[in-house]
Amino acid sequence: MKENILKQKTYDFALKVISVYKQIVAQHKEFVLSKQFLKAGTAPGALVREAEYGQSKPDFISKLSIALKEANECEYWTCLLKDSEYISHVTFEDLQADNKEIIYMLVKSVKTAKSNL
């Protein structure tokens, strides 16, 4: 069976987001921004898993499109956390690099799926 790289990358990213979330809560006692970041950062992985067994090609495309929106939202929260000094520049760069790769993969996947309708 072929390895699903997007599935693995979104799962690994979700684990990284959870770890950063736990640090923010423990160190800064911040719960509002970090919770939004947690939701947006873990959602793409769940949506990729949902898409895997989509009911139809349009359902598959819809799930991946929503995952893309969530990844984009995660980028927003990550920037906000950095600019408000809840996370370091190093942590920000690490998260952004992974998230941009996921966004790129999702864009390509959605375009490919749409072209094969």
Protein backbone atom coordinates (compact mmCIF):
# COMPACT_ATOMS: atom_id res chain seq x y z
CA MET A 1 0.00 0.00 0.00
CA LYS A 2 1.28 3.47 -0.94
CA GLU A 3 2.33 5.76 1.91
CA ASN A 4 0.19 8.87 2.30
CA ILE A 5 2.71 11.66 2.85
CA LEU A 6 0.07 14.35 3.39
CA LYS A 7 -1.64 12.20 6.04
CA GLN A 8 1.67 11.73 7.90
CA LYS A 9 2.76 15.37 7.62
CA THR A 10 -0.55 16.70 8.91
CA TYR A 11 -0.44 14.21 11.81
CA ASP A 12 3.13 15.17 12.71
CA PHE A 13 2.22 18.85 12.45
CA ALA A 14 -0.76 18.33 14.77
CA LEU A 15 1.55 16.75 17.35
CA LYS A 16 3.90 19.74 17.08
CA VAL A 17 0.96 22.15 17.49
CA ILE A 18 -0.22 20.27 20.59
CA SER A 19 3.26 20.51 22.09
CA VAL A 20 3.49 24.27 21.44
CA TYR A 21 -0.05 24.75 22.79
CA LYS A 22 0.88 22.96 26.03
CA GLN A 23 3.95 25.19 26.42
CA ILE A 24 1.95 28.38 25.88
CA VAL A 25 -0.66 27.34 28.43
CA ALA A 26 1.95 26.25 30.98
CA GLN A 27 4.32 29.21 30.59
CA HIS A 28 1.97 32.08 29.84
CA LYS A 29 -1.41 30.89 31.15
CA GLU A 30 -2.85 32.01 27.79
CA PHE A 31 -5.98 30.15 26.73
CA VAL A 32 -7.83 32.09 24.02
CA LEU A 33 -5.30 32.54 21.20
CA SER A 34 -3.64 29.23 21.95
CA LYS A 35 -6.96 27.34 21.79
CA GLN A 36 -7.69 28.85 18.35
CA PHE A 37 -4.18 27.86 17.24
CA LEU A 38 -4.74 24.33 18.59
CA LYS A 39 -8.03 23.92 16.72
CA ALA A 40 -6.72 25.28 13.42
CA GLY A 41 -3.45 23.35 13.68
CA THR A 42 -4.99 19.96 14.35
CA ALA A 43 -7.97 20.26 11.97
CA PRO A 44 -6.09 19.66 8.67
CA GLY A 45 -4.98 16.20 9.79
CA ALA A 46 -8.49 15.22 10.81
CA LEU A 47 -9.91 16.52 7.54
CA VAL A 48 -7.29 14.67 5.48
CA ARG A 49 -8.33 11.51 7.32
CA GLU A 50 -11.99 12.24 6.59
CA ALA A 51 -11.22 12.84 2.91
CA GLU A 52 -9.51 9.48 2.71
CA TYR A 53 -12.92 7.80 2.86
CA GLY A 54 -14.98 10.54 1.27
CA GLN A 55 -18.39 9.55 -0.03
CA SER A 56 -17.61 10.94 -3.47
CA LYS A 57 -14.99 12.87 -5.40
CA PRO A 58 -16.74 16.19 -4.58
CA ASP A 59 -16.81 15.20 -0.90
CA PHE A 60 -13.08 14.39 -1.08
CA ILE A 61 -12.38 17.78 -2.67
CA SER A 62 -14.55 19.55 -0.10
CA LYS A 63 -12.73 17.96 2.85
CA LEU A 64 -9.31 18.84 1.41
CA SER A 65 -10.48 22.38 0.67
CA ILE A 66 -11.61 22.82 4.27
CA ALA A 67 -8.25 21.41 5.44
CA LEU A 68 -6.57 24.06 3.30
CA LYS A 69 -8.68 26.80 4.90
CA GLU A 70 -7.78 25.51 8.37
CA ALA A 71 -4.07 25.42 7.52
CA ASN A 72 -4.31 29.00 6.31
CA GLU A 73 -6.08 29.98 9.53
CA CYS A 74 -3.33 28.25 11.51
CA GLU A 75 -0.80 30.46 9.73
CA TYR A 76 -2.72 33.51 10.99
CA TRP A 77 -2.76 32.31 14.60
CA THR A 78 0.93 31.38 14.44
CA CYS A 79 1.81 34.89 13.25
CA LEU A 80 -0.34 36.40 15.99
CA LEU A 81 1.31 34.24 18.66
CA LYS A 82 4.77 35.28 17.45
CA ASP A 83 3.94 38.97 17.19
CA SER A 84 2.38 38.96 20.67
CA GLU A 85 5.52 37.17 21.94
CA TYR A 86 3.84 33.98 23.11
CA ILE A 87 6.16 31.91 20.90
CA SER A 88 9.76 32.49 19.89
CA HIS A 89 10.90 33.36 16.39
CA VAL A 90 12.56 29.93 16.15
CA THR A 91 9.32 28.14 17.05
CA PHE A 92 7.44 30.37 14.61
CA GLU A 93 9.83 29.58 11.74
CA ASP A 94 9.62 25.85 12.44
CA LEU A 95 5.81 25.89 12.48
CA GLN A 96 5.57 28.10 9.41
CA ALA A 97 7.90 25.89 7.37
CA ASP A 98 5.82 22.80 8.12
CA ASN A 99 2.50 24.57 7.62
CA LYS A 100 3.54 26.12 4.29
CA GLU A 101 4.55 22.67 3.06
CA ILE A 102 1.15 21.30 4.08
CA ILE A 103 -0.61 24.21 2.37
CA TYR A 104 1.38 23.58 -0.80
CA MET A 105 0.50 19.87 -0.74
CA LEU A 106 -3.17 20.59 -0.13
CA VAL A 107 -3.34 23.10 -2.98
CA LYS A 108 -1.76 20.57 -5.34
CA SER A 109 -4.06 17.79 -4.13
CA VAL A 110 -7.20 19.88 -4.58
CA LYS A 111 -6.12 21.02 -8.05
CA THR A 112 -5.32 17.46 -9.10
CA ALA A 113 -8.61 16.12 -7.74
CA LYS A 114 -10.58 18.88 -9.49
CA SER A 115 -8.83 18.21 -12.79
CA ASN A 116 -9.81 14.53 -12.56
CA LEU A 117 -13.54 15.14 -12.04
